[in-house]
Amino acid sequence: MKDIEPEEMIKRIWLADKIRQVLWSYGFQLLEPSPVENLETLEAKSGPGVREEIYWFKDKAARNLGLRFDLPNPSRSVASEESGDTTSHNTPDTDTTHSGTLKSME
């Protein structure tokens, strides 16, 4: 993967800040989900074959942990539950390059 050059990062940060300002004006707040989950939980969601599809490891406390692959979905669920929206928002073209997700406080 290639590095993102400083000029491109300036543009990305500027755009992300503008988007956050608009979302905050509508009552949204940042929510940062954990990128790590118990492997048992990930297997319960996706089956034991998930071990072959994700990075997982044993931590110092001998717990099996895995990197989550579903970060946009839980954050979207929180926003939907808070707003009373039960419509599915799972779209294959969702951009997950942001550093946080937003939660509606309405």
PDB file of N, CA and C in Angstrom:
ATOM      1  N   MET A   1       0.842  -1.177   0.000  1.00  0.00           N
ATOM      2  CA  MET A   1       0.000   0.000   0.000  1.00  0.00           C
ATOM      3  C   MET A   1       0.881   1.232   0.000  1.00  0.00           C
ATOM      4  N   LYS A   2       0.439   2.237  -0.703  1.00  0.00           N
ATOM      5  CA  LYS A   2       1.254   3.450  -0.742  1.00  0.00           C
ATOM      6  C   LYS A   2       0.826   4.418   0.362  1.00  0.00           C
ATOM      7  N   ASP A   3       1.774   5.226   0.799  1.00  0.00           N
ATOM      8  CA  ASP A   3       1.501   6.228   1.814  1.00  0.00           C
ATOM      9  C   ASP A   3       0.648   7.346   1.233  1.00  0.00           C
ATOM     10  N   ILE A   4      -0.098   7.984   2.089  1.00  0.00           N
ATOM     11  CA  ILE A   4      -0.881   9.146   1.675  1.00  0.00           C
ATOM     12  C   ILE A   4       0.003  10.369   1.887  1.00  0.00           C
ATOM     13  N   GLU A   5       0.237  11.103   0.823  1.00  0.00           N
ATOM     14  CA  GLU A   5       1.114  12.272   0.859  1.00  0.00           C
ATOM     15  C   GLU A   5       0.496  13.390   1.695  1.00  0.00           C
ATOM     16  N   PRO A   6       1.341  14.267   2.275  1.00  0.00           N
ATOM     17  CA  PRO A   6       0.846  15.355   3.129  1.00  0.00           C
ATOM     18  C   PRO A   6      -0.214  16.231   2.461  1.00  0.00           C
ATOM     19  N   GLU A   7      -0.040  16.544   1.184  1.00  0.00           N
ATOM     20  CA  GLU A   7      -1.013  17.396   0.492  1.00  0.00           C
ATOM     21  C   GLU A   7      -2.389  16.727   0.447  1.00  0.00           C
ATOM     22  N   GLU A   8      -2.398  15.421   0.199  1.00  0.00           N
ATOM     23  CA  GLU A   8      -3.658  14.676   0.163  1.00  0.00           C
ATOM     24  C   GLU A   8      -4.280  14.596   1.554  1.00  0.00           C
ATOM     25  N   MET A   9      -3.455  14.408   2.591  1.00  0.00           N
ATOM     26  CA  MET A   9      -3.967  14.345   3.954  1.00  0.00           C
ATOM     27  C   MET A   9      -4.612  15.660   4.365  1.00  0.00           C
ATOM     28  N   ILE A  10      -4.011  16.780   3.963  1.00  0.00           N
ATOM     29  CA  ILE A  10      -4.593  18.089   4.280  1.00  0.00           C
ATOM     30  C   ILE A  10      -6.001  18.185   3.699  1.00  0.00           C
ATOM     31  N   LYS A  11      -6.177  17.743   2.456  1.00  0.00           N
ATOM     32  CA  LYS A  11      -7.492  17.767   1.812  1.00  0.00           C
ATOM     33  C   LYS A  11      -8.475  16.851   2.541  1.00  0.00           C
ATOM     34  N   ARG A  12      -8.022  15.651   2.886  1.00  0.00           N
ATOM     35  CA  ARG A  12      -8.903  14.688   3.562  1.00  0.00           C
ATOM     36  C   ARG A  12      -9.343  15.197   4.925  1.00  0.00           C
ATOM     37  N   ILE A  13      -8.400  15.752   5.682  1.00  0.00           N
ATOM     38  CA  ILE A  13      -8.726  16.272   7.014  1.00  0.00           C
ATOM     39  C   ILE A  13      -9.687  17.452   6.903  1.00  0.00           C
ATOM     40  N   TRP A  14      -9.441  18.351   5.934  1.00  0.00           N
ATOM     41  CA  TRP A  14     -10.326  19.492   5.738  1.00  0.00           C
ATOM     42  C   TRP A  14     -11.758  19.016   5.446  1.00  0.00           C
ATOM     43  N   LEU A  15     -11.885  18.055   4.523  1.00  0.00           N
ATOM     44  CA  LEU A  15     -13.205  17.554   4.161  1.00  0.00           C
ATOM     45  C   LEU A  15     -13.883  16.863   5.352  1.00  0.00           C
ATOM     46  N   ALA A  16     -13.144  16.028   6.067  1.00  0.00           N
ATOM     47  CA  ALA A  16     -13.711  15.336   7.231  1.00  0.00           C
ATOM     48  C   ALA A  16     -14.176  16.335   8.281  1.00  0.00           C
ATOM     49  N   ASP A  17     -13.414  17.402   8.493  1.00  0.00           N
ATOM     50  CA  ASP A  17     -13.817  18.440   9.458  1.00  0.00           C
ATOM     51  C   ASP A  17     -15.111  19.112   9.034  1.00  0.00           C
ATOM     52  N   LYS A  18     -15.248  19.403   7.747  1.00  0.00           N
ATOM     53  CA  LYS A  18     -16.479  20.032   7.248  1.00  0.00           C
ATOM     54  C   LYS A  18     -17.677  19.109   7.456  1.00  0.00           C
ATOM     55  N   ILE A  19     -17.495  17.832   7.165  1.00  0.00           N
ATOM     56  CA  ILE A  19     -18.586  16.865   7.351  1.00  0.00           C
ATOM     57  C   ILE A  19     -18.963  16.782   8.828  1.00  0.00           C
ATOM     58  N   ARG A  20     -17.963  16.716   9.711  1.00  0.00           N
ATOM     59  CA  ARG A  20     -18.248  16.665  11.153  1.00  0.00           C
ATOM     60  C   ARG A  20     -19.010  17.900  11.613  1.00  0.00           C
ATOM     61  N   GLN A  21     -18.622  19.073  11.130  1.00  0.00           N
ATOM     62  CA  GLN A  21     -19.305  20.307  11.527  1.00  0.00           C
ATOM     63  C   GLN A  21     -20.788  20.248  11.176  1.00  0.00           C
ATOM     64  N   VAL A  22     -21.097  19.771   9.983  1.00  0.00           N
ATOM     65  CA  VAL A  22     -22.501  19.662   9.574  1.00  0.00           C
ATOM     66  C   VAL A  22     -23.228  18.642  10.450  1.00  0.00           C
ATOM     67  N   LEU A  23     -22.611  17.487  10.650  1.00  0.00           N
ATOM     68  CA  LEU A  23     -23.259  16.454  11.459  1.00  0.00           C
ATOM     69  C   LEU A  23     -23.450  16.911  12.897  1.00  0.00           C
ATOM     70  N   TRP A  24     -22.458  17.591  13.469  1.00  0.00           N
ATOM     71  CA  TRP A  24     -22.585  18.105  14.841  1.00  0.00           C
ATOM     72  C   TRP A  24     -23.708  19.127  14.933  1.00  0.00           C
ATOM     73  N   SER A  25     -23.905  19.909  13.877  1.00  0.00           N
ATOM     74  CA  SER A  25     -24.976  20.904  13.901  1.00  0.00           C
ATOM     75  C   SER A  25     -26.359  20.235  13.973  1.00  0.00           C
ATOM     76  N   TYR A  26     -26.432  18.947  13.614  1.00  0.00           N
ATOM     77  CA  TYR A  26     -27.677  18.187  13.707  1.00  0.00           C
ATOM     78  C   TYR A  26     -27.727  17.306  14.953  1.00  0.00           C
ATOM     79  N   GLY A  27     -26.795  17.490  15.878  1.00  0.00           N
ATOM     80  CA  GLY A  27     -26.851  16.773  17.147  1.00  0.00           C
ATOM     81  C   GLY A  27     -26.094  15.458  17.197  1.00  0.00           C
ATOM     82  N   PHE A  28     -25.255  15.172  16.225  1.00  0.00           N
ATOM     83  CA  PHE A  28     -24.475  13.939  16.248  1.00  0.00           C
ATOM     84  C   PHE A  28     -23.223  14.122  17.104  1.00  0.00           C
ATOM     85  N   GLN A  29     -22.774  13.030  17.731  1.00  0.00           N
ATOM     86  CA  GLN A  29     -21.546  13.030  18.503  1.00  0.00           C
ATOM     87  C   GLN A  29     -20.672  11.869  18.040  1.00  0.00           C
ATOM     88  N   LEU A  30     -19.361  11.993  18.254  1.00  0.00           N
ATOM     89  CA  LEU A  30     -18.441  10.934  17.846  1.00  0.00           C
ATOM     90  C   LEU A  30     -18.564   9.709  18.745  1.00  0.00           C
ATOM     91  N   LEU A  31     -18.400   8.554  18.143  1.00  0.00           N
ATOM     92  CA  LEU A  31     -18.387   7.274  18.826  1.00  0.00           C
ATOM     93  C   LEU A  31     -17.253   6.462  18.215  1.00  0.00           C
ATOM     94  N   GLU A  32     -16.343   5.953  19.020  1.00  0.00           N
ATOM     95  CA  GLU A  32     -15.194   5.200  18.502  1.00  0.00           C
ATOM     96  C   GLU A  32     -15.292   3.758  18.988  1.00  0.00           C
ATOM     97  N   PRO A  33     -15.753   2.838  18.149  1.00  0.00           N
ATOM     98  CA  PRO A  33     -15.836   1.437  18.565  1.00  0.00           C
ATOM     99  C   PRO A  33     -14.453   0.802  18.664  1.00  0.00           C
ATOM    100  N   SER A  34     -14.323  -0.180  19.524  1.00  0.00           N
ATOM    101  CA  SER A  34     -13.064  -0.886  19.686  1.00  0.00           C
ATOM    102  C   SER A  34     -12.746  -1.696  18.432  1.00  0.00           C
ATOM    103  N   PRO A  35     -11.505  -1.657  17.964  1.00  0.00           N
ATOM    104  CA  PRO A  35     -11.132  -2.443  16.788  1.00  0.00           C
ATOM    105  C   PRO A  35     -10.867  -3.916  17.118  1.00  0.00           C
ATOM    106  N   VAL A  36     -10.865  -4.272  18.411  1.00  0.00           N
ATOM    107  CA  VAL A  36     -10.545  -5.631  18.845  1.00  0.00           C
ATOM    108  C   VAL A  36     -11.765  -6.219  19.548  1.00  0.00           C
ATOM    109  N   GLU A  37     -12.025  -7.504  19.305  1.00  0.00           N
ATOM    110  CA  GLU A  37     -13.169  -8.196  19.904  1.00  0.00           C
ATOM    111  C   GLU A  37     -12.720  -9.581  20.346  1.00  0.00           C
ATOM    112  N   ASN A  38     -13.399 -10.142  21.346  1.00  0.00           N
ATOM    113  CA  ASN A  38     -13.134 -11.532  21.716  1.00  0.00           C
ATOM    114  C   ASN A  38     -13.401 -12.414  20.501  1.00  0.00           C
ATOM    115  N   LEU A  39     -12.505 -13.345  20.262  1.00  0.00           N
ATOM    116  CA  LEU A  39     -12.639 -14.221  19.096  1.00  0.00           C
ATOM    117  C   LEU A  39     -13.930 -15.033  19.179  1.00  0.00           C
ATOM    118  N   GLU A  40     -14.326 -15.441  20.368  1.00  0.00           N
ATOM    119  CA  GLU A  40     -15.585 -16.192  20.531  1.00  0.00           C
ATOM    120  C   GLU A  40     -16.772 -15.392  19.998  1.00  0.00           C
ATOM    121  N   THR A  41     -16.785 -14.093  20.274  1.00  0.00           N
ATOM    122  CA  THR A  41     -17.876 -13.239  19.811  1.00  0.00           C
ATOM    123  C   THR A  41     -17.877 -13.156  18.290  1.00  0.00           C
ATOM    124  N   LEU A  42     -16.698 -12.984  17.700  1.00  0.00           N
ATOM    125  CA  LEU A  42     -16.605 -12.928  16.243  1.00  0.00           C
ATOM    126  C   LEU A  42     -17.038 -14.245  15.608  1.00  0.00           C
ATOM    127  N   GLU A  43     -16.667 -15.367  16.239  1.00  0.00           N
ATOM    128  CA  GLU A  43     -17.081 -16.681  15.723  1.00  0.00           C
ATOM    129  C   GLU A  43     -18.581 -16.872  15.861  1.00  0.00           C
ATOM    130  N   ALA A  44     -19.170 -16.354  16.934  1.00  0.00           N
ATOM    131  CA  ALA A  44     -20.621 -16.472  17.114  1.00  0.00           C
ATOM    132  C   ALA A  44     -21.367 -15.705  16.018  1.00  0.00           C
ATOM    133  N   LYS A  45     -20.792 -14.584  15.588  1.00  0.00           N
ATOM    134  CA  LYS A  45     -21.424 -13.780  14.535  1.00  0.00           C
ATOM    135  C   LYS A  45     -21.245 -14.395  13.154  1.00  0.00           C
ATOM    136  N   SER A  46     -20.047 -14.975  12.905  1.00  0.00           N
ATOM    137  CA  SER A  46     -19.707 -15.382  11.543  1.00  0.00           C
ATOM    138  C   SER A  46     -19.344 -16.843  11.371  1.00  0.00           C
ATOM    139  N   GLY A  47     -19.277 -17.595  12.447  1.00  0.00           N
ATOM    140  CA  GLY A  47     -18.908 -18.999  12.356  1.00  0.00           C
ATOM    141  C   GLY A  47     -17.422 -19.211  12.589  1.00  0.00           C
ATOM    142  N   PRO A  48     -17.018 -20.459  12.860  1.00  0.00           N
ATOM    143  CA  PRO A  48     -15.621 -20.751  13.180  1.00  0.00           C
ATOM    144  C   PRO A  48     -14.657 -20.474  12.024  1.00  0.00           C
ATOM    145  N   GLY A  49     -15.149 -20.430  10.804  1.00  0.00           N
ATOM    146  CA  GLY A  49     -14.299 -20.150   9.650  1.00  0.00           C
ATOM    147  C   GLY A  49     -13.739 -18.738   9.640  1.00  0.00           C
ATOM    148  N   VAL A  50     -14.267 -17.881  10.515  1.00  0.00           N
ATOM    149  CA  VAL A  50     -13.786 -16.503  10.564  1.00  0.00           C
ATOM    150  C   VAL A  50     -12.304 -16.441  10.944  1.00  0.00           C
ATOM    151  N   ARG A  51     -11.810 -17.464  11.637  1.00  0.00           N
ATOM    152  CA  ARG A  51     -10.390 -17.505  12.010  1.00  0.00           C
ATOM    153  C   ARG A  51      -9.493 -17.457  10.782  1.00  0.00           C
ATOM    154  N   GLU A  52      -9.968 -17.984   9.673  1.00  0.00           N
ATOM    155  CA  GLU A  52      -9.181 -17.994   8.439  1.00  0.00           C
ATOM    156  C   GLU A  52      -9.287 -16.677   7.673  1.00  0.00           C
ATOM    157  N   GLU A  53     -10.210 -15.810   8.098  1.00  0.00           N
ATOM    158  CA  GLU A  53     -10.486 -14.596   7.340  1.00  0.00           C
ATOM    159  C   GLU A  53     -10.015 -13.315   8.024  1.00  0.00           C
ATOM    160  N   ILE A  54      -9.658 -13.380   9.301  1.00  0.00           N
ATOM    161  CA  ILE A  54      -9.266 -12.180  10.048  1.00  0.00           C
ATOM    162  C   ILE A  54      -7.921 -12.402  10.724  1.00  0.00           C
ATOM    163  N   TYR A  55      -7.368 -11.311  11.235  1.00  0.00           N
ATOM    164  CA  TYR A  55      -6.181 -11.415  12.075  1.00  0.00           C
ATOM    165  C   TYR A  55      -6.642 -11.659  13.498  1.00  0.00           C
ATOM    166  N   TRP A  56      -6.127 -12.699  14.104  1.00  0.00           N
ATOM    167  CA  TRP A  56      -6.449 -12.963  15.499  1.00  0.00           C
ATOM    168  C   TRP A  56      -5.172 -13.354  16.226  1.00  0.00           C
ATOM    169  N   PHE A  57      -5.195 -13.219  17.546  1.00  0.00           N
ATOM    170  CA  PHE A  57      -4.000 -13.423  18.345  1.00  0.00           C
ATOM    171  C   PHE A  57      -4.388 -13.714  19.783  1.00  0.00           C
ATOM    172  N   LYS A  58      -3.433 -14.186  20.552  1.00  0.00           N
ATOM    173  CA  LYS A  58      -3.606 -14.436  21.982  1.00  0.00           C
ATOM    174  C   LYS A  58      -2.899 -13.305  22.716  1.00  0.00           C
ATOM    175  N   ASP A  59      -3.603 -12.620  23.639  1.00  0.00           N
ATOM    176  CA  ASP A  59      -2.970 -11.522  24.358  1.00  0.00           C
ATOM    177  C   ASP A  59      -2.221 -12.040  25.587  1.00  0.00           C
ATOM    178  N   LYS A  60      -1.655 -11.145  26.378  1.00  0.00           N
ATOM    179  CA  LYS A  60      -0.860 -11.537  27.546  1.00  0.00           C
ATOM    180  C   LYS A  60      -1.677 -12.267  28.601  1.00  0.00           C
ATOM    181  N   ALA A  61      -2.975 -12.053  28.602  1.00  0.00           N
ATOM    182  CA  ALA A  61      -3.864 -12.747  29.543  1.00  0.00           C
ATOM    183  C   ALA A  61      -4.391 -14.051  28.954  1.00  0.00           C
ATOM    184  N   ALA A  62      -3.827 -14.483  27.832  1.00  0.00           N
ATOM    185  CA  ALA A  62      -4.173 -15.737  27.156  1.00  0.00           C
ATOM    186  C   ALA A  62      -5.591 -15.730  26.581  1.00  0.00           C
ATOM    187  N   ARG A  63      -6.119 -14.534  26.313  1.00  0.00           N
ATOM    188  CA  ARG A  63      -7.432 -14.437  25.664  1.00  0.00           C
ATOM    189  C   ARG A  63      -7.242 -14.441  24.156  1.00  0.00           C
ATOM    190  N   ASN A  64      -8.119 -15.123  23.436  1.00  0.00           N
ATOM    191  CA  ASN A  64      -8.111 -15.090  21.977  1.00  0.00           C
ATOM    192  C   ASN A  64      -8.894 -13.866  21.521  1.00  0.00           C
ATOM    193  N   LEU A  65      -8.213 -12.966  20.809  1.00  0.00           N
ATOM    194  CA  LEU A  65      -8.822 -11.735  20.334  1.00  0.00           C
ATOM    195  C   LEU A  65      -8.675 -11.641  18.822  1.00  0.00           C
ATOM    196  N   GLY A  66      -9.571 -10.927  18.197  1.00  0.00           N
ATOM    197  CA  GLY A  66      -9.500 -10.740  16.757  1.00  0.00           C
ATOM    198  C   GLY A  66      -9.785  -9.301  16.381  1.00  0.00           C
ATOM    199  N   LEU A  67      -9.241  -8.880  15.233  1.00  0.00           N
ATOM    200  CA  LEU A  67      -9.545  -7.549  14.719  1.00  0.00           C
ATOM    201  C   LEU A  67     -10.930  -7.579  14.093  1.00  0.00           C
ATOM    202  N   ARG A  68     -11.753  -6.636  14.490  1.00  0.00           N
ATOM    203  CA  ARG A  68     -13.124  -6.598  13.995  1.00  0.00           C
ATOM    204  C   ARG A  68     -13.166  -6.201  12.531  1.00  0.00           C
ATOM    205  N   PHE A  69     -14.078  -6.800  11.807  1.00  0.00           N
ATOM    206  CA  PHE A  69     -14.258  -6.519  10.383  1.00  0.00           C
ATOM    207  C   PHE A  69     -15.578  -5.817  10.128  1.00  0.00           C
ATOM    208  N   ASP A  70     -16.359  -5.581  11.170  1.00  0.00           N
ATOM    209  CA  ASP A  70     -17.711  -5.056  11.020  1.00  0.00           C
ATOM    210  C   ASP A  70     -17.893  -3.690  11.666  1.00  0.00           C
ATOM    211  N   LEU A  71     -16.845  -2.888  11.728  1.00  0.00           N
ATOM    212  CA  LEU A  71     -16.936  -1.617  12.442  1.00  0.00           C
ATOM    213  C   LEU A  71     -18.053  -0.694  11.985  1.00  0.00           C
ATOM    214  N   PRO A  72     -18.342  -0.544  10.709  1.00  0.00           N
ATOM    215  CA  PRO A  72     -19.419   0.368  10.354  1.00  0.00           C
ATOM    216  C   PRO A  72     -20.780  -0.097  10.838  1.00  0.00           C
ATOM    217  N   ASN A  73     -21.013  -1.403  10.889  1.00  0.00           N
ATOM    218  CA  ASN A  73     -22.338  -1.915  11.232  1.00  0.00           C
ATOM    219  C   ASN A  73     -22.770  -1.621  12.666  1.00  0.00           C
ATOM    220  N   PRO A  74     -21.949  -1.888  13.687  1.00  0.00           N
ATOM    221  CA  PRO A  74     -22.406  -1.575  15.050  1.00  0.00           C
ATOM    222  C   PRO A  74     -22.676  -0.091  15.242  1.00  0.00           C
ATOM    223  N   SER A  75     -21.845   0.769  14.684  1.00  0.00           N
ATOM    224  CA  SER A  75     -22.061   2.199  14.858  1.00  0.00           C
ATOM    225  C   SER A  75     -23.354   2.627  14.183  1.00  0.00           C
ATOM    226  N   ARG A  76     -23.634   2.045  13.013  1.00  0.00           N
ATOM    227  CA  ARG A  76     -24.868   2.363  12.316  1.00  0.00           C
ATOM    228  C   ARG A  76     -26.053   1.857  13.121  1.00  0.00           C
ATOM    229  N   SER A  77     -25.904   0.700  13.767  1.00  0.00           N
ATOM    230  CA  SER A  77     -26.985   0.154  14.585  1.00  0.00           C
ATOM    231  C   SER A  77     -27.276   1.058  15.766  1.00  0.00           C
ATOM    232  N   VAL A  78     -26.231   1.596  16.401  1.00  0.00           N
ATOM    233  CA  VAL A  78     -26.429   2.490  17.540  1.00  0.00           C
ATOM    234  C   VAL A  78     -27.208   3.712  17.105  1.00  0.00           C
ATOM    235  N   ALA A  79     -26.809   4.325  15.997  1.00  0.00           N
ATOM    236  CA  ALA A  79     -27.515   5.506  15.508  1.00  0.00           C
ATOM    237  C   ALA A  79     -28.957   5.160  15.154  1.00  0.00           C
ATOM    238  N   SER A  80     -29.183   4.001  14.550  1.00  0.00           N
ATOM    239  CA  SER A  80     -30.537   3.599  14.175  1.00  0.00           C
ATOM    240  C   SER A  80     -31.399   3.351  15.395  1.00  0.00           C
ATOM    241  N   GLU A  81     -30.856   2.664  16.397  1.00  0.00           N
ATOM    242  CA  GLU A  81     -31.626   2.384  17.604  1.00  0.00           C
ATOM    243  C   GLU A  81     -31.969   3.665  18.345  1.00  0.00           C
ATOM    244  N   GLU A  82     -31.016   4.603  18.412  1.00  0.00           N
ATOM    245  CA  GLU A  82     -31.259   5.865  19.106  1.00  0.00           C
ATOM    246  C   GLU A  82     -32.346   6.675  18.414  1.00  0.00           C
ATOM    247  N   SER A  83     -32.389   6.632  17.091  1.00  0.00           N
ATOM    248  CA  SER A  83     -33.352   7.440  16.349  1.00  0.00           C
ATOM    249  C   SER A  83     -34.661   6.699  16.105  1.00  0.00           C
ATOM    250  N   GLY A  84     -34.714   5.412  16.458  1.00  0.00           N
ATOM    251  CA  GLY A  84     -35.908   4.620  16.218  1.00  0.00           C
ATOM    252  C   GLY A  84     -35.988   4.053  14.826  1.00  0.00           C
ATOM    253  N   ASP A  85     -34.954   4.219  14.040  1.00  0.00           N
ATOM    254  CA  ASP A  85     -34.915   3.720  12.659  1.00  0.00           C
ATOM    255  C   ASP A  85     -34.547   2.244  12.679  1.00  0.00           C
ATOM    256  N   THR A  86     -35.395   1.404  12.128  1.00  0.00           N
ATOM    257  CA  THR A  86     -35.111  -0.030  12.087  1.00  0.00           C
ATOM    258  C   THR A  86     -34.777  -0.500  10.686  1.00  0.00           C
ATOM    259  N   THR A  87     -34.596   0.437   9.759  1.00  0.00           N
ATOM    260  CA  THR A  87     -34.255   0.106   8.379  1.00  0.00           C
ATOM    261  C   THR A  87     -32.826  -0.389   8.308  1.00  0.00           C
ATOM    262  N   SER A  88     -32.565  -1.387   7.505  1.00  0.00           N
ATOM    263  CA  SER A  88     -31.207  -1.880   7.325  1.00  0.00           C
ATOM    264  C   SER A  88     -30.392  -0.860   6.543  1.00  0.00           C
ATOM    265  N   HIS A  89     -29.167  -0.585   7.030  1.00  0.00           N
ATOM    266  CA  HIS A  89     -28.280   0.364   6.371  1.00  0.00           C
ATOM    267  C   HIS A  89     -27.016  -0.323   5.888  1.00  0.00           C
ATOM    268  N   ASN A  90     -27.046  -1.620   5.689  1.00  0.00           N
ATOM    269  CA  ASN A  90     -25.849  -2.342   5.254  1.00  0.00           C
ATOM    270  C   ASN A  90     -25.707  -2.203   3.749  1.00  0.00           C
ATOM    271  N   THR A  91     -24.747  -1.374   3.336  1.00  0.00           N
ATOM    272  CA  THR A  91     -24.504  -1.191   1.918  1.00  0.00           C
ATOM    273  C   THR A  91     -23.083  -1.603   1.610  1.00  0.00           C
ATOM    274  N   PRO A  92     -22.860  -2.309   0.510  1.00  0.00           N
ATOM    275  CA  PRO A  92     -21.519  -2.796   0.208  1.00  0.00           C
ATOM    276  C   PRO A  92     -20.542  -1.687  -0.159  1.00  0.00           C
ATOM    277  N   ASP A  93     -21.045  -0.494  -0.504  1.00  0.00           N
ATOM    278  CA  ASP A  93     -20.145   0.567  -0.930  1.00  0.00           C
ATOM    279  C   ASP A  93     -19.881   1.592   0.168  1.00  0.00           C
ATOM    280  N   THR A  94     -20.119   1.241   1.423  1.00  0.00           N
ATOM    281  CA  THR A  94     -19.901   2.167   2.522  1.00  0.00           C
ATOM    282  C   THR A  94     -18.420   2.483   2.665  1.00  0.00           C
ATOM    283  N   ASP A  95     -18.111   3.763   2.806  1.00  0.00           N
ATOM    284  CA  ASP A  95     -16.722   4.197   2.992  1.00  0.00           C
ATOM    285  C   ASP A  95     -16.370   4.080   4.464  1.00  0.00           C
ATOM    286  N   THR A  96     -15.374   3.281   4.787  1.00  0.00           N
ATOM    287  CA  THR A  96     -14.989   3.068   6.175  1.00  0.00           C
ATOM    288  C   THR A  96     -13.617   3.656   6.463  1.00  0.00           C
ATOM    289  N   THR A  97     -13.216   4.676   5.727  1.00  0.00           N
ATOM    290  CA  THR A  97     -11.884   5.240   5.917  1.00  0.00           C
ATOM    291  C   THR A  97     -11.843   6.305   7.007  1.00  0.00           C
ATOM    292  N   HIS A  98     -12.985   6.614   7.616  1.00  0.00           N
ATOM    293  CA  HIS A  98     -12.982   7.640   8.650  1.00  0.00           C
ATOM    294  C   HIS A  98     -12.387   7.100   9.943  1.00  0.00           C
ATOM    295  N   SER A  99     -12.035   8.021  10.848  1.00  0.00           N
ATOM    296  CA  SER A  99     -11.402   7.608  12.092  1.00  0.00           C
ATOM    297  C   SER A  99     -12.407   7.483  13.222  1.00  0.00           C
ATOM    298  N   GLY A 100     -13.646   7.788  12.996  1.00  0.00           N
ATOM    299  CA  GLY A 100     -14.665   7.671  14.023  1.00  0.00           C
ATOM    300  C   GLY A 100     -16.018   7.571  13.375  1.00  0.00           C
ATOM    301  N   THR A 101     -17.022   7.228  14.163  1.00  0.00           N
ATOM    302  CA  THR A 101     -18.374   7.196  13.639  1.00  0.00           C
ATOM    303  C   THR A 101     -19.194   8.181  14.456  1.00  0.00           C
ATOM    304  N   LEU A 102     -20.343   8.517  13.965  1.00  0.00           N
ATOM    305  CA  LEU A 102     -21.154   9.511  14.620  1.00  0.00           C
ATOM    306  C   LEU A 102     -22.430   8.891  15.136  1.00  0.00           C
ATOM    307  N   LYS A 103     -22.857   9.353  16.308  1.00  0.00           N
ATOM    308  CA  LYS A 103     -24.049   8.833  16.952  1.00  0.00           C
ATOM    309  C   LYS A 103     -25.011   9.989  17.162  1.00  0.00           C
ATOM    310  N   SER A 104     -26.238   9.815  16.755  1.00  0.00           N
ATOM    311  CA  SER A 104     -27.251  10.858  16.933  1.00  0.00           C
ATOM    312  C   SER A 104     -27.699  10.882  18.385  1.00  0.00           C
ATOM    313  N   MET A 105     -27.836  12.057  18.935  1.00  0.00           N
ATOM    314  CA  MET A 105     -28.293  12.199  20.317  1.00  0.00           C
ATOM    315  C   MET A 105     -29.759  12.582  20.372  1.00  0.00           C
ATOM    316  N   GLU A 106     -30.453  12.585  19.241  1.00  0.00           N
ATOM    317  CA  GLU A 106     -31.869  12.931  19.211  1.00  0.00           C
ATOM    318  C   GLU A 106     -32.722  11.781  19.634  1.00  0.00           C
TER     319      GLU A 106
END
